[in-house]
PDB file of N, CA and C in Angstrom:
ATOM      1  N   MET A   1      86.508  95.176  88.613  1.00  0.00           N
ATOM      2  CA  MET A   1      85.533  96.141  89.100  1.00  0.00           C
ATOM      3  C   MET A   1      86.228  97.478  89.359  1.00  0.00           C
ATOM      4  N   GLU A   2      85.628  98.517  88.893  1.00  0.00           N
ATOM      5  CA  GLU A   2      86.210  99.839  89.036  1.00  0.00           C
ATOM      6  C   GLU A   2      85.951 100.401  90.430  1.00  0.00           C
ATOM      7  N   HIS A   3      86.959 101.040  91.017  1.00  0.00           N
ATOM      8  CA  HIS A   3      86.822 101.666  92.333  1.00  0.00           C
ATOM      9  C   HIS A   3      85.942 102.903  92.194  1.00  0.00           C
ATOM     10  N   PRO A   4      85.020 103.145  93.154  1.00  0.00           N
ATOM     11  CA  PRO A   4      84.097 104.291  93.040  1.00  0.00           C
ATOM     12  C   PRO A   4      84.811 105.628  92.882  1.00  0.00           C
ATOM     13  N   ALA A   5      85.988 105.778  93.479  1.00  0.00           N
ATOM     14  CA  ALA A   5      86.681 107.065  93.410  1.00  0.00           C
ATOM     15  C   ALA A   5      87.220 107.358  92.019  1.00  0.00           C
ATOM     16  N   THR A   6      87.252 106.367  91.146  1.00  0.00           N
ATOM     17  CA  THR A   6      87.778 106.607  89.805  1.00  0.00           C
ATOM     18  C   THR A   6      86.705 107.083  88.832  1.00  0.00           C
ATOM     19  N   LYS A   7      85.455 107.101  89.258  1.00  0.00           N
ATOM     20  CA  LYS A   7      84.382 107.579  88.377  1.00  0.00           C
ATOM     21  C   LYS A   7      84.460 109.098  88.250  1.00  0.00           C
ATOM     22  N   LEU A   8      84.529 109.575  87.056  1.00  0.00           N
ATOM     23  CA  LEU A   8      84.617 111.008  86.815  1.00  0.00           C
ATOM     24  C   LEU A   8      83.243 111.569  86.518  1.00  0.00           C
ATOM     25  N   THR A   9      82.994 112.788  87.031  1.00  0.00           N
ATOM     26  CA  THR A   9      81.722 113.425  86.731  1.00  0.00           C
ATOM     27  C   THR A   9      81.808 114.250  85.454  1.00  0.00           C
ATOM     28  N   ARG A  10      83.013 114.491  84.986  1.00  0.00           N
ATOM     29  CA  ARG A  10      83.209 115.130  83.687  1.00  0.00           C
ATOM     30  C   ARG A  10      84.491 114.561  83.097  1.00  0.00           C
ATOM     31  N   PRO A  11      84.637 114.608  81.805  1.00  0.00           N
ATOM     32  CA  PRO A  11      85.798 113.980  81.184  1.00  0.00           C
ATOM     33  C   PRO A  11      87.098 114.716  81.500  1.00  0.00           C
ATOM     34  N   LYS A  12      88.208 113.988  81.445  1.00  0.00           N
ATOM     35  CA  LYS A  12      89.523 114.599  81.605  1.00  0.00           C
ATOM     36  C   LYS A  12      89.831 115.436  80.379  1.00  0.00           C
ATOM     37  N   THR A  13      90.526 116.528  80.598  1.00  0.00           N
ATOM     38  CA  THR A  13      91.044 117.302  79.484  1.00  0.00           C
ATOM     39  C   THR A  13      92.522 117.525  79.740  1.00  0.00           C
ATOM     40  N   PHE A  14      93.282 117.587  78.699  1.00  0.00           N
ATOM     41  CA  PHE A  14      94.711 117.799  78.859  1.00  0.00           C
ATOM     42  C   PHE A  14      95.217 118.621  77.700  1.00  0.00           C
ATOM     43  N   SER A  15      96.003 119.615  78.029  1.00  0.00           N
ATOM     44  CA  SER A  15      96.652 120.394  76.984  1.00  0.00           C
ATOM     45  C   SER A  15      98.022 120.792  77.504  1.00  0.00           C
ATOM     46  N   VAL A  16      98.803 121.348  76.631  1.00  0.00           N
ATOM     47  CA  VAL A  16     100.148 121.752  77.019  1.00  0.00           C
ATOM     48  C   VAL A  16     100.101 122.861  78.062  1.00  0.00           C
ATOM     49  N   THR A  17      99.095 123.707  78.012  1.00  0.00           N
ATOM     50  CA  THR A  17      99.048 124.860  78.908  1.00  0.00           C
ATOM     51  C   THR A  17      98.299 124.600  80.208  1.00  0.00           C
ATOM     52  N   THR A  18      97.553 123.515  80.290  1.00  0.00           N
ATOM     53  CA  THR A  18      96.811 123.251  81.524  1.00  0.00           C
ATOM     54  C   THR A  18      97.014 121.818  81.980  1.00  0.00           C
ATOM     55  N   ALA A  19      96.931 121.629  83.271  1.00  0.00           N
ATOM     56  CA  ALA A  19      97.017 120.278  83.827  1.00  0.00           C
ATOM     57  C   ALA A  19      95.697 119.569  83.598  1.00  0.00           C
ATOM     58  N   PRO A  20      95.667 118.242  83.704  1.00  0.00           N
ATOM     59  CA  PRO A  20      94.399 117.528  83.556  1.00  0.00           C
ATOM     60  C   PRO A  20      93.389 118.020  84.595  1.00  0.00           C
ATOM     61  N   THR A  21      92.165 118.174  84.173  1.00  0.00           N
ATOM     62  CA  THR A  21      91.133 118.582  85.119  1.00  0.00           C
ATOM     63  C   THR A  21      90.131 117.451  85.254  1.00  0.00           C
ATOM     64  N   THR A  22      89.844 117.109  86.485  1.00  0.00           N
ATOM     65  CA  THR A  22      88.868 116.061  86.757  1.00  0.00           C
ATOM     66  C   THR A  22      88.067 116.466  87.966  1.00  0.00           C
ATOM     67  N   SER A  23      86.918 115.940  88.070  1.00  0.00           N
ATOM     68  CA  SER A  23      86.089 116.155  89.247  1.00  0.00           C
ATOM     69  C   SER A  23      85.617 114.787  89.715  1.00  0.00           C
ATOM     70  N   LEU A  24      86.098 114.377  90.856  1.00  0.00           N
ATOM     71  CA  LEU A  24      85.728 113.068  91.377  1.00  0.00           C
ATOM     72  C   LEU A  24      84.477 113.161  92.227  1.00  0.00           C
ATOM     73  N   SER A  25      83.686 112.105  92.200  1.00  0.00           N
ATOM     74  CA  SER A  25      82.604 112.045  93.161  1.00  0.00           C
ATOM     75  C   SER A  25      83.252 111.950  94.536  1.00  0.00           C
ATOM     76  N   THR A  26      82.538 112.247  95.594  1.00  0.00           N
ATOM     77  CA  THR A  26      83.132 112.290  96.921  1.00  0.00           C
ATOM     78  C   THR A  26      83.785 110.961  97.265  1.00  0.00           C
ATOM     79  N   PRO A  27      85.115 110.938  97.311  1.00  0.00           N
ATOM     80  CA  PRO A  27      85.803 109.688  97.627  1.00  0.00           C
ATOM     81  C   PRO A  27      85.584 109.277  99.074  1.00  0.00           C
ATOM     82  N   HIS A  28      85.630 107.988  99.332  1.00  0.00           N
ATOM     83  CA  HIS A  28      85.385 107.461 100.664  1.00  0.00           C
ATOM     84  C   HIS A  28      86.443 107.879 101.670  1.00  0.00           C
ATOM     85  N   TRP A  29      87.623 108.322 101.219  1.00  0.00           N
ATOM     86  CA  TRP A  29      88.684 108.651 102.175  1.00  0.00           C
ATOM     87  C   TRP A  29      88.617 110.096 102.657  1.00  0.00           C
ATOM     88  N   ARG A  30      87.682 110.873 102.163  1.00  0.00           N
ATOM     89  CA  ARG A  30      87.507 112.232 102.676  1.00  0.00           C
ATOM     90  C   ARG A  30      86.601 112.197 103.896  1.00  0.00           C
ATOM     91  N   ASN A  31      86.804 113.156 104.803  1.00  0.00           N
ATOM     92  CA  ASN A  31      85.930 113.201 105.972  1.00  0.00           C
ATOM     93  C   ASN A  31      84.623 113.900 105.616  1.00  0.00           C
ATOM     94  N   SER A  32      83.777 114.090 106.611  1.00  0.00           N
ATOM     95  CA  SER A  32      82.428 114.601 106.354  1.00  0.00           C
ATOM     96  C   SER A  32      82.403 116.025 105.799  1.00  0.00           C
ATOM     97  N   ILE A  33      83.481 116.792 105.978  1.00  0.00           N
ATOM     98  CA  ILE A  33      83.492 118.152 105.419  1.00  0.00           C
ATOM     99  C   ILE A  33      84.420 118.254 104.205  1.00  0.00           C
ATOM    100  N   GLY A  34      84.769 117.087 103.622  1.00  0.00           N
ATOM    101  CA  GLY A  34      85.509 117.064 102.376  1.00  0.00           C
ATOM    102  C   GLY A  34      87.014 117.205 102.480  1.00  0.00           C
ATOM    103  N   GLU A  35      87.567 117.151 103.686  1.00  0.00           N
ATOM    104  CA  GLU A  35      89.010 117.274 103.837  1.00  0.00           C
ATOM    105  C   GLU A  35      89.708 115.959 103.511  1.00  0.00           C
ATOM    106  N   TRP A  36      90.885 116.064 102.909  1.00  0.00           N
ATOM    107  CA  TRP A  36      91.703 114.892 102.635  1.00  0.00           C
ATOM    108  C   TRP A  36      92.436 114.519 103.917  1.00  0.00           C
ATOM    109  N   PRO A  37      92.755 113.234 104.101  1.00  0.00           N
ATOM    110  CA  PRO A  37      93.498 112.854 105.300  1.00  0.00           C
ATOM    111  C   PRO A  37      94.914 113.411 105.251  1.00  0.00           C
ATOM    112  N   PRO A  38      95.507 113.665 106.424  1.00  0.00           N
ATOM    113  CA  PRO A  38      96.874 114.173 106.429  1.00  0.00           C
ATOM    114  C   PRO A  38      97.859 113.098 105.976  1.00  0.00           C
ATOM    115  N   ASN A  39      98.982 113.539 105.490  1.00  0.00           N
ATOM    116  CA  ASN A  39     100.057 112.619 105.123  1.00  0.00           C
ATOM    117  C   ASN A  39     101.010 112.594 106.306  1.00  0.00           C
ATOM    118  N   SER A  40     100.968 111.544 107.089  1.00  0.00           N
ATOM    119  CA  SER A  40     101.730 111.488 108.318  1.00  0.00           C
ATOM    120  C   SER A  40     102.738 110.347 108.296  1.00  0.00           C
ATOM    121  N   SER A  41     103.995 110.676 108.536  1.00  0.00           N
ATOM    122  CA  SER A  41     104.997 109.615 108.646  1.00  0.00           C
ATOM    123  C   SER A  41     104.741 108.758 109.875  1.00  0.00           C
ATOM    124  N   ASP A  42     103.996 109.289 110.847  1.00  0.00           N
ATOM    125  CA  ASP A  42     103.613 108.514 112.029  1.00  0.00           C
ATOM    126  C   ASP A  42     102.665 107.379 111.667  1.00  0.00           C
ATOM    127  N   LEU A  43     102.011 107.466 110.508  1.00  0.00           N
ATOM    128  CA  LEU A  43     101.064 106.441 110.080  1.00  0.00           C
ATOM    129  C   LEU A  43     101.578 105.640 108.890  1.00  0.00           C
ATOM    130  N   ASN A  44     102.837 105.772 108.583  1.00  0.00           N
ATOM    131  CA  ASN A  44     103.427 105.007 107.493  1.00  0.00           C
ATOM    132  C   ASN A  44     104.443 104.038 108.088  1.00  0.00           C
ATOM    133  N   PRO A  45     104.081 102.753 108.180  1.00  0.00           N
ATOM    134  CA  PRO A  45     104.989 101.789 108.814  1.00  0.00           C
ATOM    135  C   PRO A  45     106.392 101.763 108.209  1.00  0.00           C
ATOM    136  N   LEU A  46     106.507 102.043 106.913  1.00  0.00           N
ATOM    137  CA  LEU A  46     107.845 102.089 106.323  1.00  0.00           C
ATOM    138  C   LEU A  46     108.673 103.198 106.953  1.00  0.00           C
ATOM    139  N   ASP A  47     108.042 104.334 107.256  1.00  0.00           N
ATOM    140  CA  ASP A  47     108.766 105.462 107.837  1.00  0.00           C
ATOM    141  C   ASP A  47     109.060 105.273 109.323  1.00  0.00           C
ATOM    142  N   TYR A  48     108.086 104.816 110.103  1.00  0.00           N
ATOM    143  CA  TYR A  48     108.303 104.777 111.544  1.00  0.00           C
ATOM    144  C   TYR A  48     108.909 103.487 112.054  1.00  0.00           C
ATOM    145  N   ALA A  49     109.056 102.458 111.227  1.00  0.00           N
ATOM    146  CA  ALA A  49     109.598 101.209 111.742  1.00  0.00           C
ATOM    147  C   ALA A  49     110.455 100.439 110.752  1.00  0.00           C
ATOM    148  N   VAL A  50     109.929 100.138 109.603  1.00  0.00           N
ATOM    149  CA  VAL A  50     110.545  99.141 108.726  1.00  0.00           C
ATOM    150  C   VAL A  50     111.915  99.565 108.209  1.00  0.00           C
ATOM    151  N   TRP A  51     112.049 100.796 107.693  1.00  0.00           N
ATOM    152  CA  TRP A  51     113.331 101.196 107.120  1.00  0.00           C
ATOM    153  C   TRP A  51     114.446 101.129 108.146  1.00  0.00           C
ATOM    154  N   SER A  52     114.179 101.577 109.369  1.00  0.00           N
ATOM    155  CA  SER A  52     115.237 101.556 110.382  1.00  0.00           C
ATOM    156  C   SER A  52     115.632 100.130 110.761  1.00  0.00           C
ATOM    157  N   ILE A  53     114.665  99.220 110.787  1.00  0.00           N
ATOM    158  CA  ILE A  53     114.962  97.819 111.088  1.00  0.00           C
ATOM    159  C   ILE A  53     115.810  97.212 109.976  1.00  0.00           C
ATOM    160  N   LEU A  54     115.406  97.432 108.736  1.00  0.00           N
ATOM    161  CA  LEU A  54     116.166  96.901 107.604  1.00  0.00           C
ATOM    162  C   LEU A  54     117.579  97.486 107.553  1.00  0.00           C
ATOM    163  N   GLU A  55     117.674  98.774 107.800  1.00  0.00           N
ATOM    164  CA  GLU A  55     118.985  99.413 107.779  1.00  0.00           C
ATOM    165  C   GLU A  55     119.893  98.826 108.864  1.00  0.00           C
ATOM    166  N   GLU A  56     119.347  98.639 110.057  1.00  0.00           N
ATOM    167  CA  GLU A  56     120.133  98.088 111.160  1.00  0.00           C
ATOM    168  C   GLU A  56     120.650  96.685 110.829  1.00  0.00           C
ATOM    169  N   LYS A  57     119.784  95.860 110.232  1.00  0.00           N
ATOM    170  CA  LYS A  57     120.156  94.482 109.929  1.00  0.00           C
ATOM    171  C   LYS A  57     121.063  94.379 108.689  1.00  0.00           C
ATOM    172  N   ALA A  58     120.758  95.141 107.658  1.00  0.00           N
ATOM    173  CA  ALA A  58     121.437  94.963 106.377  1.00  0.00           C
ATOM    174  C   ALA A  58     122.686  95.822 106.211  1.00  0.00           C
ATOM    175  N   CYS A  59     122.827  96.841 107.000  1.00  0.00           N
ATOM    176  CA  CYS A  59     123.933  97.785 106.764  1.00  0.00           C
ATOM    177  C   CYS A  59     124.910  97.837 107.935  1.00  0.00           C
ATOM    178  N   GLN A  60     125.084  96.727 108.609  1.00  0.00           N
ATOM    179  CA  GLN A  60     126.038  96.684 109.717  1.00  0.00           C
ATOM    180  C   GLN A  60     127.469  96.840 109.217  1.00  0.00           C
ATOM    181  N   LYS A  61     127.692  96.470 107.972  1.00  0.00           N
ATOM    182  CA  LYS A  61     129.008  96.625 107.355  1.00  0.00           C
ATOM    183  C   LYS A  61     128.803  97.245 105.972  1.00  0.00           C
ATOM    184  N   PRO A  62     129.816  97.932 105.457  1.00  0.00           N
ATOM    185  CA  PRO A  62     129.694  98.510 104.117  1.00  0.00           C
ATOM    186  C   PRO A  62     129.578  97.409 103.060  1.00  0.00           C
ATOM    187  N   HIS A  63     128.864  97.712 102.011  1.00  0.00           N
ATOM    188  CA  HIS A  63     128.689  96.757 100.909  1.00  0.00           C
ATOM    189  C   HIS A  63     129.552  97.188  99.732  1.00  0.00           C
ATOM    190  N   PRO A  64     130.252  96.236  99.117  1.00  0.00           N
ATOM    191  CA  PRO A  64     131.142  96.592  98.006  1.00  0.00           C
ATOM    192  C   PRO A  64     130.406  96.934  96.713  1.00  0.00           C
ATOM    193  N   ASN A  65     129.118  96.498  96.620  1.00  0.00           N
ATOM    194  CA  ASN A  65     128.366  96.766  95.391  1.00  0.00           C
ATOM    195  C   ASN A  65     126.863  96.669  95.682  1.00  0.00           C
ATOM    196  N   VAL A  66     126.074  97.025  94.703  1.00  0.00           N
ATOM    197  CA  VAL A  66     124.616  97.042  94.852  1.00  0.00           C
ATOM    198  C   VAL A  66     124.075  95.632  95.069  1.00  0.00           C
ATOM    199  N   GLU A  67     124.641  94.663  94.385  1.00  0.00           N
ATOM    200  CA  GLU A  67     124.157  93.282  94.541  1.00  0.00           C
ATOM    201  C   GLU A  67     124.320  92.796  95.978  1.00  0.00           C
ATOM    202  N   SER A  68     125.411  93.143  96.605  1.00  0.00           N
ATOM    203  CA  SER A  68     125.641  92.767  98.002  1.00  0.00           C
ATOM    204  C   SER A  68     124.590  93.411  98.905  1.00  0.00           C
ATOM    205  N   LEU A  69     124.289  94.670  98.659  1.00  0.00           N
ATOM    206  CA  LEU A  69     123.262  95.370  99.437  1.00  0.00           C
ATOM    207  C   LEU A  69     121.899  94.733  99.223  1.00  0.00           C
ATOM    208  N   LYS A  70     121.550  94.434  97.979  1.00  0.00           N
ATOM    209  CA  LYS A  70     120.255  93.795  97.684  1.00  0.00           C
ATOM    210  C   LYS A  70     120.129  92.466  98.416  1.00  0.00           C
ATOM    211  N   LYS A  71     121.177  91.680  98.388  1.00  0.00           N
ATOM    212  CA  LYS A  71     121.167  90.372  99.056  1.00  0.00           C
ATOM    213  C   LYS A  71     120.967  90.542 100.566  1.00  0.00           C
ATOM    214  N   ALA A  72     121.660  91.505 101.153  1.00  0.00           N
ATOM    215  CA  ALA A  72     121.532  91.758 102.587  1.00  0.00           C
ATOM    216  C   ALA A  72     120.127  92.247 102.944  1.00  0.00           C
ATOM    217  N   LEU A  73     119.553  93.105 102.101  1.00  0.00           N
ATOM    218  CA  LEU A  73     118.197  93.606 102.357  1.00  0.00           C
ATOM    219  C   LEU A  73     117.163  92.491 102.245  1.00  0.00           C
ATOM    220  N   LYS A  74     117.303  91.615 101.267  1.00  0.00           N
ATOM    221  CA  LYS A  74     116.367  90.492 101.134  1.00  0.00           C
ATOM    222  C   LYS A  74     116.448  89.573 102.347  1.00  0.00           C
ATOM    223  N   LYS A  75     117.656  89.309 102.818  1.00  0.00           N
ATOM    224  CA  LYS A  75     117.842  88.468 103.997  1.00  0.00           C
ATOM    225  C   LYS A  75     117.213  89.148 105.223  1.00  0.00           C
ATOM    226  N   ALA A  76     117.465  90.431 105.393  1.00  0.00           N
ATOM    227  CA  ALA A  76     116.901  91.177 106.524  1.00  0.00           C
ATOM    228  C   ALA A  76     115.376  91.184 106.466  1.00  0.00           C
ATOM    229  N   TRP A  77     114.815  91.325 105.258  1.00  0.00           N
ATOM    230  CA  TRP A  77     113.357  91.326 105.096  1.00  0.00           C
ATOM    231  C   TRP A  77     112.768  90.008 105.584  1.00  0.00           C
ATOM    232  N   LYS A  78     113.375  88.895 105.190  1.00  0.00           N
ATOM    233  CA  LYS A  78     112.884  87.582 105.615  1.00  0.00           C
ATOM    234  C   LYS A  78     112.970  87.426 107.120  1.00  0.00           C
ATOM    235  N   GLU A  79     114.026  87.958 107.726  1.00  0.00           N
ATOM    236  CA  GLU A  79     114.205  87.860 109.179  1.00  0.00           C
ATOM    237  C   GLU A  79     113.262  88.778 109.942  1.00  0.00           C
ATOM    238  N   THR A  80     112.633  89.715 109.255  1.00  0.00           N
ATOM    239  CA  THR A  80     111.820  90.742 109.904  1.00  0.00           C
ATOM    240  C   THR A  80     110.327  90.421 109.878  1.00  0.00           C
ATOM    241  N   LEU A  81     109.919  89.321 109.292  1.00  0.00           N
ATOM    242  CA  LEU A  81     108.489  89.029 109.123  1.00  0.00           C
ATOM    243  C   LEU A  81     107.721  89.022 110.441  1.00  0.00           C
ATOM    244  N   ASP A  82     108.261  88.425 111.500  1.00  0.00           N
ATOM    245  CA  ASP A  82     107.560  88.427 112.791  1.00  0.00           C
ATOM    246  C   ASP A  82     107.373  89.839 113.319  1.00  0.00           C
ATOM    247  N   THR A  83     108.379  90.669 113.143  1.00  0.00           N
ATOM    248  CA  THR A  83     108.285  92.061 113.582  1.00  0.00           C
ATOM    249  C   THR A  83     107.231  92.810 112.777  1.00  0.00           C
ATOM    250  N   LEU A  84     107.137  92.513 111.483  1.00  0.00           N
ATOM    251  CA  LEU A  84     106.135  93.181 110.643  1.00  0.00           C
ATOM    252  C   LEU A  84     104.721  92.865 111.122  1.00  0.00           C
ATOM    253  N   VAL A  85     104.489  91.636 111.554  1.00  0.00           N
ATOM    254  CA  VAL A  85     103.176  91.266 112.086  1.00  0.00           C
ATOM    255  C   VAL A  85     102.860  92.111 113.314  1.00  0.00           C
ATOM    256  N   LYS A  86     103.832  92.303 114.188  1.00  0.00           N
ATOM    257  CA  LYS A  86     103.629  93.126 115.392  1.00  0.00           C
ATOM    258  C   LYS A  86     103.338  94.582 115.016  1.00  0.00           C
ATOM    259  N   ILE A  87     104.039  95.078 114.007  1.00  0.00           N
ATOM    260  CA  ILE A  87     103.817  96.455 113.550  1.00  0.00           C
ATOM    261  C   ILE A  87     102.375  96.619 113.051  1.00  0.00           C
ATOM    262  N   VAL A  88     101.923  95.666 112.261  1.00  0.00           N
ATOM    263  CA  VAL A  88     100.549  95.714 111.739  1.00  0.00           C
ATOM    264  C   VAL A  88      99.537  95.599 112.878  1.00  0.00           C
ATOM    265  N   ASP A  89      99.780  94.709 113.822  1.00  0.00           N
ATOM    266  CA  ASP A  89      98.862  94.543 114.954  1.00  0.00           C
ATOM    267  C   ASP A  89      98.785  95.803 115.808  1.00  0.00           C
ATOM    268  N   ASN A  90      99.858  96.584 115.862  1.00  0.00           N
ATOM    269  CA  ASN A  90      99.895  97.806 116.658  1.00  0.00           C
ATOM    270  C   ASN A  90      99.275  99.004 115.941  1.00  0.00           C
ATOM    271  N   PHE A  91      98.973  98.852 114.660  1.00  0.00           N
ATOM    272  CA  PHE A  91      98.509  99.990 113.860  1.00  0.00           C
ATOM    273  C   PHE A  91      97.228 100.647 114.393  1.00  0.00           C
ATOM    274  N   PRO A  92      96.215  99.893 114.853  1.00  0.00           N
ATOM    275  CA  PRO A  92      95.031 100.572 115.402  1.00  0.00           C
ATOM    276  C   PRO A  92      95.368 101.518 116.563  1.00  0.00           C
ATOM    277  N   LYS A  93      96.343 101.177 117.390  1.00  0.00           N
ATOM    278  CA  LYS A  93      96.760 102.067 118.487  1.00  0.00           C
ATOM    279  C   LYS A  93      97.370 103.343 117.924  1.00  0.00           C
ATOM    280  N   ARG A  94      98.134 103.214 116.840  1.00  0.00           N
ATOM    281  CA  ARG A  94      98.729 104.399 116.221  1.00  0.00           C
ATOM    282  C   ARG A  94      97.650 105.299 115.619  1.00  0.00           C
ATOM    283  N   LEU A  95      96.649 104.688 114.998  1.00  0.00           N
ATOM    284  CA  LEU A  95      95.540 105.481 114.449  1.00  0.00           C
ATOM    285  C   LEU A  95      94.823 106.251 115.549  1.00  0.00           C
ATOM    286  N   LYS A  96      94.566 105.598 116.676  1.00  0.00           N
ATOM    287  CA  LYS A  96      93.899 106.263 117.800  1.00  0.00           C
ATOM    288  C   LYS A  96      94.765 107.407 118.327  1.00  0.00           C
ATOM    289  N   ALA A  97      96.067 107.185 118.438  1.00  0.00           N
ATOM    290  CA  ALA A  97      96.965 108.238 118.906  1.00  0.00           C
ATOM    291  C   ALA A  97      96.932 109.440 117.964  1.00  0.00           C
ATOM    292  N   CYS A  98      96.857 109.182 116.669  1.00  0.00           N
ATOM    293  CA  CYS A  98      96.779 110.264 115.687  1.00  0.00           C
ATOM    294  C   CYS A  98      95.470 111.036 115.827  1.00  0.00           C
ATOM    295  N   ILE A  99      94.384 110.301 116.026  1.00  0.00           N
ATOM    296  CA  ILE A  99      93.073 110.941 116.221  1.00  0.00           C
ATOM    297  C   ILE A  99      93.085 111.777 117.493  1.00  0.00           C
ATOM    298  N   ASP A 100      93.627 111.198 118.582  1.00  0.00           N
ATOM    299  CA  ASP A 100      93.698 111.929 119.858  1.00  0.00           C
ATOM    300  C   ASP A 100      94.545 113.195 119.733  1.00  0.00           C
ATOM    301  N   ALA A 101      95.566 113.150 118.851  1.00  0.00           N
ATOM    302  CA  ALA A 101      96.428 114.314 118.628  1.00  0.00           C
ATOM    303  C   ALA A 101      95.849 115.250 117.572  1.00  0.00           C
ATOM    304  N   LYS A 102      94.613 114.962 117.152  1.00  0.00           N
ATOM    305  CA  LYS A 102      93.915 115.757 116.132  1.00  0.00           C
ATOM    306  C   LYS A 102      94.767 115.897 114.850  1.00  0.00           C
ATOM    307  N   GLY A 103      95.399 114.771 114.482  1.00  0.00           N
ATOM    308  CA  GLY A 103      96.190 114.747 113.258  1.00  0.00           C
ATOM    309  C   GLY A 103      97.594 115.261 113.413  1.00  0.00           C
ATOM    310  N   GLY A 104      97.927 115.731 114.601  1.00  0.00           N
ATOM    311  CA  GLY A 104      99.282 116.263 114.832  1.00  0.00           C
ATOM    312  C   GLY A 104     100.277 115.156 115.135  1.00  0.00           C
ATOM    313  N   HIS A 105     101.514 115.561 115.341  1.00  0.00           N
ATOM    314  CA  HIS A 105     102.588 114.623 115.654  1.00  0.00           C
ATOM    315  C   HIS A 105     102.322 114.004 117.013  1.00  0.00           C
ATOM    316  N   PHE A 106     102.514 112.701 117.153  1.00  0.00           N
ATOM    317  CA  PHE A 106     102.210 112.048 118.428  1.00  0.00           C
ATOM    318  C   PHE A 106     103.326 111.186 118.959  1.00  0.00           C
ATOM    319  N   GLU A 107     104.495 111.252 118.396  1.00  0.00           N
ATOM    320  CA  GLU A 107     105.637 110.519 118.960  1.00  0.00           C
ATOM    321  C   GLU A 107     106.745 111.444 119.283  1.00  0.00           C
TER     322      GLU A 107
END
């Protein structure tokens, strides 16, 4: 099933001198006045939690090669599953904090 936001009201065009032009019907992720949501690292769990946890667990010592790092990251990921559940459960509070901050930084 095709997502509603992928329906085009006119065909794509592409040439060497111009970028593709498309006109989407009003996507569900825009607000009532057509604004796109902000891109906030405060709302990206990888940015505000996961990377630092993985780095702390997997990079306590230097790795001699990429394979060693990959192995350490996979092990850290498996050990982090309970924490990931807590991060997801806390997400509605983060959304509210972002709304209360009117989209601004809130940490």
